[in-house]
Amino acid sequence: MDGRHGPSSNPYELTEETPVYVISVAAQLSGLHPQTLRQYDRLGLVSPDRAAGRGRRYSARDIQLLRQVQRLSQDEGINLAGIKRIIELENQVAALQSRVAELQQTVEGAAVAMRQREAQVHASYRRDLVPYQDVTQSSALVVWRPDRRR
């Protein structure tokens, strides 16, 4: 295995990443010749998993990628080196988007923790103290009248 397939609670669960198709079936599903699939594997465009006997096993994701390579090559006229670079960049973008999502969760968690800590600090304030307010000098005129009752 190449690490693409994450651990699953059910080892028999099929996902789009599960390698199940032999090369002849993958060729039929993608509309390509088996030799073309072998060439793409050698070039690193689509690298399927290998079975115990070293036979290639393609996943539904691999089939989609084969179709994308064919479309880019035939419809867009992009050479295989360019297609490989496009695939690498798409994988890099996906990895970066995943990392951004992780970092956003981390930041949100830190913000929640900060607000909770701030609330704890505010709750710890002594309530018997009067807040201090700085009295600034004023130029207001005050009339003083002495108390005559004495």
N, C-alpha and C. Protein backbone atom coordinates (compact mmCIF):
# COMPACT_ATOMS: atom_id res chain seq x y z
N MET A 1 0.85 -1.19 0.00
CA MET A 1 0.00 0.00 0.00
C MET A 1 0.88 1.25 0.00
N ASP A 2 0.38 2.32 -0.53
CA ASP A 2 1.18 3.53 -0.64
C ASP A 2 0.75 4.62 0.32
N GLY A 3 -0.13 4.33 1.28
CA GLY A 3 -0.54 5.32 2.28
C GLY A 3 -1.72 6.16 1.84
N ARG A 4 -2.25 5.95 0.61
CA ARG A 4 -3.39 6.74 0.16
C ARG A 4 -4.67 6.32 0.85
N HIS A 5 -4.71 5.10 1.27
CA HIS A 5 -5.95 4.54 1.79
C HIS A 5 -5.91 4.59 3.31
N GLY A 6 -6.77 5.42 3.91
CA GLY A 6 -6.79 5.60 5.34
C GLY A 6 -7.36 4.38 6.04
N PRO A 7 -7.10 4.28 7.34
CA PRO A 7 -7.64 3.17 8.09
C PRO A 7 -9.16 3.23 8.12
N SER A 8 -9.77 2.08 8.07
CA SER A 8 -11.22 2.01 8.07
C SER A 8 -11.67 1.12 9.21
N SER A 9 -12.86 1.40 9.72
CA SER A 9 -13.38 0.56 10.79
C SER A 9 -13.77 -0.81 10.26
N ASN A 10 -14.11 -0.89 8.97
CA ASN A 10 -14.49 -2.13 8.34
C ASN A 10 -13.49 -2.43 7.23
N PRO A 11 -12.67 -3.48 7.36
CA PRO A 11 -11.67 -3.74 6.33
C PRO A 11 -12.27 -4.14 4.98
N TYR A 12 -13.54 -4.50 4.94
CA TYR A 12 -14.20 -4.90 3.69
C TYR A 12 -15.01 -3.78 3.08
N GLU A 13 -14.96 -2.60 3.66
CA GLU A 13 -15.70 -1.46 3.14
C GLU A 13 -15.02 -0.95 1.87
N LEU A 14 -15.81 -0.74 0.82
CA LEU A 14 -15.26 -0.23 -0.44
C LEU A 14 -15.47 1.27 -0.52
N THR A 15 -14.39 1.98 -0.81
CA THR A 15 -14.45 3.41 -1.03
C THR A 15 -13.92 3.69 -2.42
N GLU A 16 -13.91 4.94 -2.83
CA GLU A 16 -13.36 5.26 -4.15
C GLU A 16 -11.84 5.10 -4.18
N GLU A 17 -11.23 4.94 -3.01
CA GLU A 17 -9.78 4.74 -2.92
C GLU A 17 -9.39 3.26 -2.83
N THR A 18 -10.36 2.37 -2.73
CA THR A 18 -10.08 0.95 -2.58
C THR A 18 -9.62 0.36 -3.92
N PRO A 19 -8.42 -0.23 -3.95
CA PRO A 19 -7.92 -0.80 -5.21
C PRO A 19 -8.56 -2.16 -5.48
N VAL A 20 -9.45 -2.21 -6.48
CA VAL A 20 -10.17 -3.45 -6.75
C VAL A 20 -10.09 -3.89 -8.21
N TYR A 21 -9.78 -3.01 -9.13
CA TYR A 21 -9.85 -3.33 -10.56
C TYR A 21 -8.49 -3.79 -11.09
N VAL A 22 -8.48 -4.93 -11.77
CA VAL A 22 -7.26 -5.37 -12.46
C VAL A 22 -7.09 -4.50 -13.70
N ILE A 23 -5.93 -4.59 -14.31
CA ILE A 23 -5.60 -3.68 -15.40
C ILE A 23 -6.56 -3.80 -16.59
N SER A 24 -7.04 -5.01 -16.88
CA SER A 24 -7.94 -5.16 -18.04
C SER A 24 -9.27 -4.47 -17.79
N VAL A 25 -9.78 -4.57 -16.57
CA VAL A 25 -11.04 -3.91 -16.23
C VAL A 25 -10.85 -2.39 -16.18
N ALA A 26 -9.75 -1.97 -15.61
CA ALA A 26 -9.46 -0.53 -15.54
C ALA A 26 -9.33 0.05 -16.95
N ALA A 27 -8.74 -0.71 -17.85
CA ALA A 27 -8.60 -0.25 -19.23
C ALA A 27 -9.98 -0.10 -19.89
N GLN A 28 -10.85 -1.06 -19.66
CA GLN A 28 -12.20 -0.96 -20.22
C GLN A 28 -12.96 0.22 -19.63
N LEU A 29 -12.87 0.39 -18.31
CA LEU A 29 -13.62 1.47 -17.64
C LEU A 29 -13.11 2.85 -18.05
N SER A 30 -11.82 2.95 -18.33
CA SER A 30 -11.25 4.25 -18.70
C SER A 30 -11.25 4.49 -20.20
N GLY A 31 -11.48 3.44 -20.98
CA GLY A 31 -11.47 3.58 -22.43
C GLY A 31 -10.07 3.64 -23.01
N LEU A 32 -9.10 3.12 -22.28
CA LEU A 32 -7.70 3.14 -22.73
C LEU A 32 -7.21 1.70 -22.92
N HIS A 33 -6.11 1.56 -23.63
CA HIS A 33 -5.50 0.25 -23.84
C HIS A 33 -4.67 -0.09 -22.60
N PRO A 34 -4.63 -1.38 -22.21
CA PRO A 34 -3.81 -1.76 -21.04
C PRO A 34 -2.36 -1.31 -21.14
N GLN A 35 -1.80 -1.30 -22.34
CA GLN A 35 -0.41 -0.85 -22.50
C GLN A 35 -0.28 0.63 -22.16
N THR A 36 -1.31 1.40 -22.46
CA THR A 36 -1.31 2.82 -22.13
C THR A 36 -1.30 3.00 -20.61
N LEU A 37 -2.07 2.17 -19.90
CA LEU A 37 -2.09 2.23 -18.44
C LEU A 37 -0.72 1.89 -17.86
N ARG A 38 -0.06 0.90 -18.46
CA ARG A 38 1.30 0.54 -18.00
C ARG A 38 2.27 1.71 -18.23
N GLN A 39 2.13 2.37 -19.37
CA GLN A 39 2.98 3.52 -19.68
C GLN A 39 2.74 4.66 -18.69
N TYR A 40 1.48 4.94 -18.40
CA TYR A 40 1.15 5.99 -17.42
C TYR A 40 1.73 5.65 -16.05
N ASP A 41 1.71 4.37 -15.70
CA ASP A 41 2.28 3.93 -14.42
C ASP A 41 3.79 4.16 -14.43
N ARG A 42 4.47 3.78 -15.51
CA ARG A 42 5.93 3.98 -15.60
C ARG A 42 6.29 5.46 -15.51
N LEU A 43 5.46 6.32 -16.10
CA LEU A 43 5.73 7.76 -16.09
C LEU A 43 5.32 8.43 -14.77
N GLY A 44 4.59 7.69 -13.93
CA GLY A 44 4.16 8.25 -12.66
C GLY A 44 2.91 9.10 -12.74
N LEU A 45 2.18 8.99 -13.85
CA LEU A 45 0.94 9.76 -13.99
C LEU A 45 -0.17 9.17 -13.12
N VAL A 46 -0.38 7.88 -13.24
CA VAL A 46 -1.37 7.16 -12.44
C VAL A 46 -0.66 5.93 -11.90
N SER A 47 -0.46 5.91 -10.58
CA SER A 47 0.27 4.81 -9.95
C SER A 47 -0.68 3.98 -9.11
N PRO A 48 -1.15 2.86 -9.65
CA PRO A 48 -2.08 2.02 -8.90
C PRO A 48 -1.35 1.25 -7.80
N ASP A 49 -2.13 0.71 -6.88
CA ASP A 49 -1.56 -0.17 -5.86
C ASP A 49 -1.15 -1.47 -6.50
N ARG A 50 -0.40 -2.27 -5.77
CA ARG A 50 0.03 -3.57 -6.27
C ARG A 50 -0.54 -4.66 -5.37
N ALA A 51 -1.00 -5.74 -6.00
CA ALA A 51 -1.49 -6.90 -5.26
C ALA A 51 -0.29 -7.72 -4.81
N ALA A 52 -0.54 -8.76 -4.05
CA ALA A 52 0.54 -9.59 -3.53
C ALA A 52 1.41 -10.17 -4.65
N GLY A 53 0.81 -10.52 -5.78
CA GLY A 53 1.55 -11.06 -6.92
C GLY A 53 2.12 -9.97 -7.81
N ARG A 54 2.16 -8.73 -7.34
CA ARG A 54 2.70 -7.55 -8.03
C ARG A 54 1.81 -7.07 -9.16
N GLY A 55 0.60 -7.62 -9.29
CA GLY A 55 -0.32 -7.13 -10.31
C GLY A 55 -0.91 -5.80 -9.91
N ARG A 56 -1.16 -4.96 -10.88
CA ARG A 56 -1.72 -3.63 -10.59
C ARG A 56 -3.18 -3.77 -10.19
N ARG A 57 -3.59 -2.94 -9.20
CA ARG A 57 -4.98 -2.87 -8.78
C ARG A 57 -5.38 -1.40 -8.76
N TYR A 58 -6.37 -1.07 -9.57
CA TYR A 58 -6.82 0.30 -9.73
C TYR A 58 -8.06 0.56 -8.87
N SER A 59 -8.16 1.76 -8.34
CA SER A 59 -9.33 2.19 -7.58
C SER A 59 -10.23 3.03 -8.49
N ALA A 60 -11.42 3.32 -8.01
CA ALA A 60 -12.32 4.20 -8.77
C ALA A 60 -11.68 5.56 -8.95
N ARG A 61 -10.93 6.02 -7.97
CA ARG A 61 -10.21 7.31 -8.08
C ARG A 61 -9.17 7.24 -9.19
N ASP A 62 -8.46 6.10 -9.27
CA ASP A 62 -7.48 5.92 -10.34
C ASP A 62 -8.15 5.96 -11.72
N ILE A 63 -9.33 5.36 -11.84
CA ILE A 63 -10.07 5.35 -13.11
C ILE A 63 -10.42 6.79 -13.50
N GLN A 64 -10.89 7.58 -12.52
CA GLN A 64 -11.21 8.98 -12.79
C GLN A 64 -9.97 9.74 -13.26
N LEU A 65 -8.84 9.45 -12.62
CA LEU A 65 -7.60 10.11 -12.99
C LEU A 65 -7.16 9.70 -14.41
N LEU A 66 -7.34 8.42 -14.76
CA LEU A 66 -7.02 7.97 -16.11
C LEU A 66 -7.86 8.71 -17.14
N ARG A 67 -9.13 8.89 -16.84
CA ARG A 67 -10.02 9.61 -17.76
C ARG A 67 -9.59 11.08 -17.89
N GLN A 68 -9.17 11.65 -16.76
CA GLN A 68 -8.70 13.05 -16.79
C GLN A 68 -7.43 13.18 -17.65
N VAL A 69 -6.51 12.24 -17.48
CA VAL A 69 -5.28 12.26 -18.28
C VAL A 69 -5.62 12.15 -19.75
N GLN A 70 -6.53 11.24 -20.11
CA GLN A 70 -6.94 11.07 -21.50
C GLN A 70 -7.57 12.35 -22.06
N ARG A 71 -8.44 12.97 -21.26
CA ARG A 71 -9.10 14.20 -21.70
C ARG A 71 -8.09 15.33 -21.91
N LEU A 72 -7.17 15.50 -20.94
CA LEU A 72 -6.16 16.55 -21.08
C LEU A 72 -5.27 16.31 -22.29
N SER A 73 -4.94 15.06 -22.55
CA SER A 73 -4.06 14.72 -23.66
C SER A 73 -4.77 14.88 -25.00
N GLN A 74 -5.95 14.30 -25.12
CA GLN A 74 -6.63 14.29 -26.41
C GLN A 74 -7.40 15.57 -26.70
N ASP A 75 -8.16 16.05 -25.72
CA ASP A 75 -9.01 17.21 -25.95
C ASP A 75 -8.25 18.54 -25.83
N GLU A 76 -7.33 18.61 -24.89
CA GLU A 76 -6.63 19.86 -24.63
C GLU A 76 -5.26 19.93 -25.31
N GLY A 77 -4.76 18.78 -25.77
CA GLY A 77 -3.48 18.76 -26.46
C GLY A 77 -2.27 18.94 -25.56
N ILE A 78 -2.41 18.59 -24.30
CA ILE A 78 -1.31 18.75 -23.34
C ILE A 78 -0.45 17.49 -23.38
N ASN A 79 0.87 17.67 -23.40
CA ASN A 79 1.75 16.50 -23.43
C ASN A 79 1.80 15.84 -22.04
N LEU A 80 2.34 14.63 -21.98
CA LEU A 80 2.31 13.85 -20.74
C LEU A 80 3.11 14.50 -19.61
N ALA A 81 4.21 15.18 -19.95
CA ALA A 81 4.99 15.89 -18.93
C ALA A 81 4.15 17.02 -18.32
N GLY A 82 3.41 17.72 -19.16
CA GLY A 82 2.54 18.79 -18.67
C GLY A 82 1.41 18.24 -17.82
N ILE A 83 0.86 17.11 -18.23
CA ILE A 83 -0.21 16.48 -17.46
C ILE A 83 0.30 16.04 -16.09
N LYS A 84 1.51 15.49 -16.08
CA LYS A 84 2.10 15.07 -14.80
C LYS A 84 2.25 16.27 -13.87
N ARG A 85 2.70 17.38 -14.42
CA ARG A 85 2.87 18.60 -13.61
C ARG A 85 1.52 19.11 -13.11
N ILE A 86 0.50 19.06 -13.96
CA ILE A 86 -0.85 19.49 -13.55
C ILE A 86 -1.35 18.63 -12.39
N ILE A 87 -1.16 17.32 -12.51
CA ILE A 87 -1.61 16.40 -11.45
C ILE A 87 -0.85 16.69 -10.15
N GLU A 88 0.47 16.90 -10.26
CA GLU A 88 1.27 17.23 -9.06
C GLU A 88 0.76 18.51 -8.40
N LEU A 89 0.49 19.52 -9.21
CA LEU A 89 0.01 20.79 -8.66
C LEU A 89 -1.37 20.65 -8.04
N GLU A 90 -2.26 19.86 -8.69
CA GLU A 90 -3.59 19.63 -8.10
C GLU A 90 -3.47 18.91 -6.76
N ASN A 91 -2.56 17.93 -6.68
CA ASN A 91 -2.35 17.23 -5.42
C ASN A 91 -1.79 18.16 -4.35
N GLN A 92 -0.89 19.05 -4.77
CA GLN A 92 -0.31 20.01 -3.84
C GLN A 92 -1.38 20.97 -3.33
N VAL A 93 -2.24 21.44 -4.22
CA VAL A 93 -3.33 22.35 -3.83
C VAL A 93 -4.26 21.64 -2.84
N ALA A 94 -4.59 20.38 -3.12
CA ALA A 94 -5.47 19.63 -2.21
C ALA A 94 -4.82 19.47 -0.83
N ALA A 95 -3.53 19.18 -0.82
CA ALA A 95 -2.82 19.04 0.46
C ALA A 95 -2.79 20.37 1.22
N LEU A 96 -2.57 21.47 0.50
CA LEU A 96 -2.54 22.79 1.14
C LEU A 96 -3.92 23.18 1.66
N GLN A 97 -4.97 22.86 0.90
CA GLN A 97 -6.32 23.14 1.37
C GLN A 97 -6.63 22.36 2.63
N SER A 98 -6.18 21.12 2.67
CA SER A 98 -6.38 20.30 3.87
C SER A 98 -5.63 20.91 5.05
N ARG A 99 -4.41 21.36 4.81
CA ARG A 99 -3.60 21.97 5.89
C ARG A 99 -4.24 23.27 6.38
N VAL A 100 -4.77 24.07 5.46
CA VAL A 100 -5.45 25.31 5.84
C VAL A 100 -6.66 24.99 6.72
N ALA A 101 -7.41 23.96 6.36
CA ALA A 101 -8.57 23.57 7.17
C ALA A 101 -8.14 23.14 8.56
N GLU A 102 -7.03 22.38 8.64
CA GLU A 102 -6.50 21.98 9.95
C GLU A 102 -6.11 23.20 10.78
N LEU A 103 -5.42 24.14 10.15
CA LEU A 103 -4.97 25.34 10.85
C LEU A 103 -6.15 26.20 11.29
N GLN A 104 -7.19 26.27 10.45
CA GLN A 104 -8.39 27.02 10.84
C GLN A 104 -9.03 26.41 12.07
N GLN A 105 -9.08 25.08 12.13
CA GLN A 105 -9.64 24.42 13.30
C GLN A 105 -8.78 24.70 14.54
N THR A 106 -7.47 24.70 14.35
CA THR A 106 -6.56 24.99 15.47
C THR A 106 -6.77 26.41 15.98
N VAL A 107 -6.87 27.36 15.05
CA VAL A 107 -7.08 28.76 15.43
C VAL A 107 -8.43 28.93 16.14
N GLU A 108 -9.46 28.30 15.60
CA GLU A 108 -10.77 28.39 16.23
C GLU A 108 -10.75 27.79 17.63
N GLY A 109 -10.06 26.68 17.80
CA GLY A 109 -9.93 26.06 19.12
C GLY A 109 -9.17 26.96 20.09
N ALA A 110 -8.12 27.60 19.59
CA ALA A 110 -7.35 28.52 20.43
C ALA A 110 -8.19 29.73 20.82
N ALA A 111 -9.01 30.22 19.89
CA ALA A 111 -9.87 31.37 20.19
C ALA A 111 -10.90 31.01 21.25
N VAL A 112 -11.47 29.81 21.15
CA VAL A 112 -12.43 29.36 22.17
C VAL A 112 -11.75 29.26 23.52
N ALA A 113 -10.56 28.67 23.55
CA ALA A 113 -9.81 28.54 24.81
C ALA A 113 -9.47 29.91 25.38
N MET A 114 -9.11 30.86 24.51
CA MET A 114 -8.78 32.21 24.98
C MET A 114 -10.02 32.89 25.58
N ARG A 115 -11.17 32.74 24.91
CA ARG A 115 -12.39 33.35 25.46
C ARG A 115 -12.77 32.72 26.80
N GLN A 116 -12.59 31.41 26.92
CA GLN A 116 -12.88 30.74 28.18
C GLN A 116 -11.95 31.23 29.28
N ARG A 117 -10.65 31.37 28.96
CA ARG A 117 -9.69 31.86 29.94
C ARG A 117 -9.99 33.30 30.32
N GLU A 118 -10.37 34.10 29.34
CA GLU A 118 -10.74 35.49 29.60
C GLU A 118 -11.95 35.56 30.53
N ALA A 119 -12.92 34.70 30.31
CA ALA A 119 -14.10 34.66 31.18
C ALA A 119 -13.71 34.24 32.59
N GLN A 120 -12.76 33.31 32.71
CA GLN A 120 -12.30 32.90 34.04
C GLN A 120 -11.61 34.06 34.76
N VAL A 121 -10.82 34.82 34.02
CA VAL A 121 -10.13 35.96 34.62
C VAL A 121 -11.15 37.00 35.07
N HIS A 122 -12.12 37.29 34.23
CA HIS A 122 -13.14 38.27 34.61
C HIS A 122 -13.96 37.78 35.81
N ALA A 123 -14.20 36.50 35.87
CA ALA A 123 -14.96 35.95 37.00
C ALA A 123 -14.16 36.02 38.30
N SER A 124 -12.84 36.10 38.19
CA SER A 124 -12.02 36.12 39.39
C SER A 124 -11.84 37.53 39.97
N TYR A 125 -12.34 38.55 39.32
CA TYR A 125 -12.20 39.91 39.82
C TYR A 125 -12.88 40.04 41.18
N ARG A 126 -12.27 40.84 42.04
CA ARG A 126 -12.88 41.12 43.34
C ARG A 126 -14.03 42.08 43.14
N ARG A 127 -15.15 41.76 43.73
CA ARG A 127 -16.35 42.59 43.55
C ARG A 127 -16.48 43.66 44.63
N ASP A 128 -15.64 43.59 45.66
CA ASP A 128 -15.73 44.58 46.73
C ASP A 128 -14.91 45.84 46.43
N LEU A 129 -14.19 45.88 45.35
CA LEU A 129 -13.40 47.04 44.98
C LEU A 129 -14.18 47.90 44.00
N VAL A 130 -13.99 49.20 44.11
CA VAL A 130 -14.64 50.14 43.21
C VAL A 130 -13.65 50.43 42.08
N PRO A 131 -14.11 50.42 40.88
CA PRO A 131 -13.19 50.71 39.78
C PRO A 131 -12.60 52.12 39.91
N TYR A 132 -11.33 52.26 39.66
CA TYR A 132 -10.65 53.54 39.73
C TYR A 132 -10.87 54.28 38.44
N GLN A 133 -11.24 55.55 38.58
CA GLN A 133 -11.38 56.40 37.42
C GLN A 133 -10.50 57.61 37.63
N ASP A 134 -9.64 57.88 36.67
CA ASP A 134 -8.73 59.00 36.77
C ASP A 134 -9.51 60.30 36.59
N VAL A 135 -9.38 61.20 37.56
CA VAL A 135 -10.06 62.49 37.50
C VAL A 135 -9.10 63.48 36.86
N THR A 136 -9.53 64.04 35.79
CA THR A 136 -8.67 65.01 35.10
C THR A 136 -8.97 66.41 35.62
N GLN A 137 -8.00 67.27 35.50
CA GLN A 137 -8.19 68.66 35.90
C GLN A 137 -9.22 69.31 34.99
N SER A 138 -10.07 70.10 35.61
CA SER A 138 -11.12 70.75 34.85
C SER A 138 -10.96 72.26 34.98
N SER A 139 -11.39 72.96 33.99
CA SER A 139 -11.34 74.43 34.04
C SER A 139 -12.71 75.00 34.38
N ALA A 140 -13.59 74.16 34.91
CA ALA A 140 -14.94 74.62 35.25
C ALA A 140 -14.87 75.53 36.47
N LEU A 141 -15.72 76.53 36.49
CA LEU A 141 -15.79 77.47 37.59
C LEU A 141 -16.75 76.92 38.63
N VAL A 142 -16.26 76.84 39.88
CA VAL A 142 -17.08 76.32 40.98
C VAL A 142 -17.23 77.41 42.01
N VAL A 143 -18.44 77.65 42.43
CA VAL A 143 -18.69 78.67 43.46
C VAL A 143 -18.64 77.97 44.80
N TRP A 144 -17.79 78.54 45.70
CA TRP A 144 -17.68 77.96 47.03
C TRP A 144 -18.40 78.83 48.02
N ARG A 145 -19.26 78.21 48.77
CA ARG A 145 -19.98 78.92 49.82
C ARG A 145 -19.69 78.22 51.14
N PRO A 146 -19.10 78.93 52.01
CA PRO A 146 -18.81 78.30 53.32
C PRO A 146 -20.09 77.98 54.07
N ASP A 147 -20.03 76.97 54.86
CA ASP A 147 -21.18 76.56 55.66
C ASP A 147 -21.29 77.52 56.84
N ARG A 148 -22.38 78.30 56.99
CA ARG A 148 -22.55 79.32 58.01
C ARG A 148 -23.17 78.76 59.29
N ARG A 149 -23.46 77.51 59.32
CA ARG A 149 -24.13 76.96 60.49
C ARG A 149 -23.19 76.78 61.65
N ARG A 150 -21.99 76.92 61.57
CA ARG A 150 -21.06 76.69 62.68
C ARG A 150 -20.89 77.83 63.56
